[in-house]
Amino acid sequence: MQPSDNWEQLQQKVAAAALRSGRPADAVTVIAVSKTVDASQVAAAYQWGWRHFGENRPQELTAKQQALPHLDITWHMIGQLQRNKVRQVLAGSSYIHSLDRFSLAQELQRQGEKLAVASIPCFVEVNAANEANKSGISWEELPNLLHQLAQFPLLSLVGLMTIATIVQDPEEVRPLFRRLAQQRQQLQEELQQEGYTHAPLQHLSMGMSADFTVAIEEGADFVRIGTAIFVAR
């Protein structure tokens, strides 16, 4: 299969899923997860039409940014972020999808002030399946963390993010996606009532290559797709 075929077929699937959720296709942002592929493949994917790219590791993010400075790419840090890598990530990424603890928020605020950034768009990562081997805040701790994060003016809490359990049938994780969408709406209303104005949870980052259509049907507007784009990884 040629990459251009991937582009066309994925766009059709995204558009169809968005339509089933009552939204136009352009309401969904597809992030091409480029971890483990080299900069030349990212450049090729850019020519096919992808504009948003996601990296799991700060060093790979930095290396590809330095290799492709001429391309108008929006970079997403989608992997777990350590505090000692915050400055490196802030220097180039547009979105951080893995904010999951107070100490990380403190460091983001501190380094953001040093770098004089206007704002730091962040998704709060939720361990929606309560899996011990995954990062993310628990359902129970999420409301309290969100209220704590309101004290950091540089953090724009643009949404919630989760990584679903790997299953053969994506219908098995539909309830998880639905619950996150419902939780997002409830928390968004609470934050707005309390006067929090720093981009309160407009978005949902959920869904990957195996389950993105279900995620979109349940409200995702950012999906992270790797293997379905970069076939030979």
Protein backbone atom coordinates (compact mmCIF):
# COMPACT_ATOMS: atom_id res chain seq x y z
CA MET A 1 0.00 0.00 0.00
CA GLN A 2 1.33 3.42 -0.93
CA PRO A 3 1.38 6.20 1.68
CA SER A 4 -0.95 8.30 -0.48
CA ASP A 5 -3.47 5.46 -0.27
CA ASN A 6 -3.16 5.57 3.52
CA TRP A 7 -3.90 9.28 3.42
CA GLU A 8 -7.03 8.90 1.32
CA GLN A 9 -8.40 5.88 3.18
CA LEU A 10 -7.74 7.38 6.61
CA GLN A 11 -9.37 10.65 5.63
CA GLN A 12 -12.42 8.73 4.46
CA LYS A 13 -12.61 6.79 7.73
CA VAL A 14 -12.14 9.93 9.83
CA ALA A 15 -14.78 11.79 7.82
CA ALA A 16 -17.27 8.94 8.10
CA ALA A 17 -16.76 8.59 11.86
CA ALA A 18 -17.06 12.35 12.36
CA LEU A 19 -20.28 12.37 10.36
CA ARG A 20 -21.69 9.60 12.53
CA SER A 21 -20.94 11.77 15.56
CA GLY A 22 -22.70 14.75 13.99
CA ARG A 23 -19.57 16.71 13.09
CA PRO A 24 -17.73 17.62 9.89
CA ALA A 25 -14.48 15.87 9.00
CA ASP A 26 -12.39 18.98 9.68
CA ALA A 27 -13.51 18.90 13.32
CA VAL A 28 -11.01 16.07 13.88
CA THR A 29 -7.24 16.60 13.97
CA VAL A 30 -5.18 13.57 13.00
CA ILE A 31 -1.77 13.41 14.68
CA ALA A 32 0.69 11.26 12.73
CA VAL A 33 2.66 9.46 15.43
CA SER A 34 6.18 9.51 14.06
CA LYS A 35 8.06 7.78 16.86
CA THR A 36 10.72 5.36 15.59
CA VAL A 37 10.56 6.71 12.01
CA ASP A 38 13.27 8.98 10.69
CA ALA A 39 13.01 12.60 9.60
CA SER A 40 12.91 11.68 5.90
CA GLN A 41 9.72 9.69 6.48
CA VAL A 42 8.21 12.60 8.36
CA ALA A 43 9.09 14.87 5.45
CA ALA A 44 7.47 12.42 3.05
CA ALA A 45 4.33 12.25 5.19
CA TYR A 46 4.23 16.04 5.18
CA GLN A 47 4.16 15.95 1.39
CA TRP A 48 1.26 13.49 1.54
CA GLY A 49 -0.71 16.02 3.56
CA TRP A 50 -0.04 15.44 7.26
CA ARG A 51 0.62 18.58 9.31
CA HIS A 52 0.43 17.38 12.93
CA PHE A 53 3.08 14.96 14.22
CA GLY A 54 3.44 13.32 17.63
CA GLU A 55 6.56 12.12 19.43
CA ASN A 56 6.95 10.03 22.58
CA ARG A 57 10.51 11.02 23.46
CA PRO A 58 11.86 14.56 23.83
CA GLN A 59 15.16 13.71 22.15
CA GLU A 60 13.40 12.38 19.05
CA LEU A 61 11.14 15.41 18.99
CA THR A 62 14.12 17.76 19.12
CA ALA A 63 16.10 15.84 16.51
CA LYS A 64 13.26 15.91 13.99
CA GLN A 65 12.52 19.57 14.61
CA GLN A 66 16.16 20.40 13.95
CA ALA A 67 16.18 18.25 10.81
CA LEU A 68 12.96 19.77 9.40
CA PRO A 69 12.98 23.48 10.32
CA HIS A 70 11.61 24.46 6.90
CA LEU A 71 8.35 22.52 7.32
CA ASP A 72 5.31 24.10 8.94
CA ILE A 73 4.69 21.22 11.34
CA THR A 74 2.66 21.32 14.53
CA TRP A 75 4.47 19.08 17.02
CA HIS A 76 2.76 17.17 19.83
CA MET A 77 4.53 15.64 22.82
CA ILE A 78 2.39 12.58 23.46
CA GLY A 79 4.66 10.47 25.66
CA GLN A 80 5.29 10.57 29.37
CA LEU A 81 7.22 13.72 30.24
CA GLN A 82 9.89 13.91 32.92
CA ARG A 83 10.51 17.18 34.68
CA ASN A 84 14.13 17.41 33.52
CA LYS A 85 12.96 17.33 29.88
CA VAL A 86 10.34 20.08 30.19
CA ARG A 87 12.53 22.92 28.93
CA GLN A 88 13.60 20.88 25.92
CA VAL A 89 9.99 20.06 25.01
CA LEU A 90 8.68 23.59 25.54
CA ALA A 91 11.23 24.91 23.09
CA GLY A 92 9.46 23.27 20.18
CA SER A 93 6.18 21.45 20.81
CA SER A 94 2.79 23.08 20.41
CA TYR A 95 0.81 20.63 22.56
CA ILE A 96 1.63 18.44 25.53
CA HIS A 97 -0.69 15.44 25.86
CA SER A 98 0.68 13.93 29.06
CA LEU A 99 0.19 16.33 31.96
CA ASP A 100 -0.68 14.01 34.84
CA ARG A 101 0.71 15.41 38.08
CA PHE A 102 1.09 18.60 40.07
CA SER A 103 4.89 18.55 40.12
CA LEU A 104 5.01 18.46 36.32
CA ALA A 105 2.64 21.42 36.16
CA GLN A 106 4.91 23.35 38.50
CA GLU A 107 7.90 22.71 36.25
CA LEU A 108 5.96 23.62 33.11
CA GLN A 109 4.99 26.93 34.69
CA ARG A 110 8.56 27.58 35.89
CA GLN A 111 10.23 26.81 32.59
CA GLY A 112 7.51 28.58 30.64
CA GLU A 113 8.23 31.75 32.56
CA LYS A 114 11.95 31.43 31.85
CA LEU A 115 11.30 30.94 28.13
CA ALA A 116 8.71 33.75 28.11
CA VAL A 117 6.09 31.62 26.35
CA ALA A 118 2.60 33.06 26.11
CA SER A 119 0.81 29.83 27.03
CA ILE A 120 1.34 26.07 27.23
CA PRO A 121 -1.52 24.04 25.71
CA CYS A 122 -1.86 20.85 27.75
CA PHE A 123 -4.05 17.79 27.76
CA VAL A 124 -4.47 16.22 31.18
CA GLU A 125 -3.78 12.50 30.80
CA VAL A 126 -6.29 10.17 32.44
CA ASN A 127 -5.55 6.52 33.16
CA ALA A 128 -9.09 5.69 32.16
CA ALA A 129 -8.65 1.91 32.33
CA ASN A 130 -6.86 2.07 35.70
CA GLU A 131 -3.98 0.01 34.32
CA ALA A 132 -0.97 -0.23 36.62
CA ASN A 133 1.55 -0.05 33.77
CA LYS A 134 0.17 3.20 32.33
CA SER A 135 0.73 6.80 33.31
CA GLY A 136 -2.10 9.24 33.86
CA ILE A 137 -4.23 10.52 36.70
CA SER A 138 -6.98 8.30 38.08
CA TRP A 139 -10.67 9.10 37.69
CA GLU A 140 -10.91 9.76 41.41
CA GLU A 141 -7.97 12.19 41.51
CA LEU A 142 -8.79 14.04 38.28
CA PRO A 143 -11.17 16.73 39.63
CA ASN A 144 -8.80 17.70 42.42
CA LEU A 145 -5.81 17.91 40.06
CA LEU A 146 -7.72 20.13 37.65
CA HIS A 147 -8.59 22.55 40.43
CA GLN A 148 -4.95 22.60 41.56
CA LEU A 149 -3.74 23.33 38.02
CA ALA A 150 -5.92 26.42 37.84
CA GLN A 151 -3.26 28.28 39.84
CA PHE A 152 -0.76 28.10 36.96
CA PRO A 153 -1.62 30.91 34.51
CA LEU A 154 0.59 29.67 31.67
CA LEU A 155 -1.13 26.30 31.49
CA SER A 156 -3.96 26.20 28.98
CA LEU A 157 -5.89 23.05 29.85
CA VAL A 158 -7.18 22.35 26.38
CA GLY A 159 -8.59 18.90 27.05
CA LEU A 160 -8.35 15.38 28.40
CA MET A 161 -6.28 12.57 26.92
CA THR A 162 -6.31 8.83 27.42
CA ILE A 163 -4.78 5.67 25.99
CA ALA A 164 -7.31 2.86 25.84
CA THR A 165 -6.66 -0.77 26.66
CA ILE A 166 -5.37 -2.72 23.67
CA VAL A 167 -8.17 -5.02 22.54
CA GLN A 168 -9.04 -6.92 19.39
CA ASP A 169 -12.53 -5.47 19.16
CA PRO A 170 -12.58 -1.65 19.53
CA GLU A 171 -16.18 -1.84 20.69
CA GLU A 172 -14.83 -3.10 24.00
CA VAL A 173 -13.30 0.33 24.73
CA ARG A 174 -16.28 2.39 23.57
CA PRO A 175 -17.61 2.72 27.16
CA LEU A 176 -14.24 4.06 28.27
CA PHE A 177 -14.23 6.73 25.54
CA ARG A 178 -17.83 7.62 26.30
CA ARG A 179 -17.10 8.01 30.00
CA LEU A 180 -14.16 10.33 29.32
CA ALA A 181 -16.32 12.48 27.05
CA GLN A 182 -19.01 12.73 29.72
CA GLN A 183 -16.45 13.51 32.40
CA ARG A 184 -14.88 16.20 30.24
CA GLN A 185 -18.21 17.95 29.79
CA GLN A 186 -19.00 17.84 33.49
CA LEU A 187 -15.60 19.15 34.53
CA GLN A 188 -15.66 21.80 31.83
CA GLU A 189 -18.92 23.15 33.21
CA GLU A 190 -17.54 23.17 36.76
CA LEU A 191 -14.39 25.05 35.74
CA GLN A 192 -16.37 27.61 33.78
CA GLN A 193 -18.67 28.21 36.73
CA GLU A 194 -15.62 28.84 38.87
CA GLY A 195 -14.30 31.41 36.42
CA TYR A 196 -11.40 29.43 35.02
CA THR A 197 -10.72 30.90 31.58
CA HIS A 198 -7.46 29.26 30.42
CA ALA A 199 -8.96 27.14 27.62
CA PRO A 200 -11.02 24.85 29.86
CA LEU A 201 -11.12 21.37 28.34
CA GLN A 202 -12.48 21.98 24.85
CA HIS A 203 -10.89 18.86 23.35
CA LEU A 204 -10.55 15.09 23.69
CA SER A 205 -7.33 13.36 22.64
CA MET A 206 -8.21 9.68 22.42
CA GLY A 207 -8.07 6.93 19.84
CA MET A 208 -5.17 5.33 17.98
CA SER A 209 -4.75 3.20 14.86
CA ALA A 210 -6.87 0.29 16.11
CA ASP A 211 -9.73 2.24 17.68
CA PHE A 212 -9.80 5.79 16.33
CA THR A 213 -13.15 5.46 14.55
CA VAL A 214 -14.88 4.46 17.80
CA ALA A 215 -13.09 7.27 19.63
CA ILE A 216 -14.26 9.83 17.07
CA GLU A 217 -17.82 8.54 17.29
CA GLU A 218 -17.65 9.14 21.05
CA GLY A 219 -16.34 12.70 20.69
CA ALA A 220 -12.58 12.62 20.10
CA ASP A 221 -11.31 15.57 18.08
CA PHE A 222 -7.60 14.68 18.33
CA VAL A 223 -6.61 11.14 17.35
CA ARG A 224 -3.08 9.74 17.42
CA ILE A 225 -2.38 7.40 14.50
CA GLY A 226 0.96 5.72 13.88
CA THR A 227 0.95 2.29 12.28
CA ALA A 228 -1.95 3.09 9.97
CA ILE A 229 0.15 5.92 8.47
CA PHE A 230 3.72 4.63 8.72
CA VAL A 231 3.08 1.07 7.60
CA ALA A 232 6.65 -0.24 7.79
CA ARG A 233 7.80 0.92 11.22
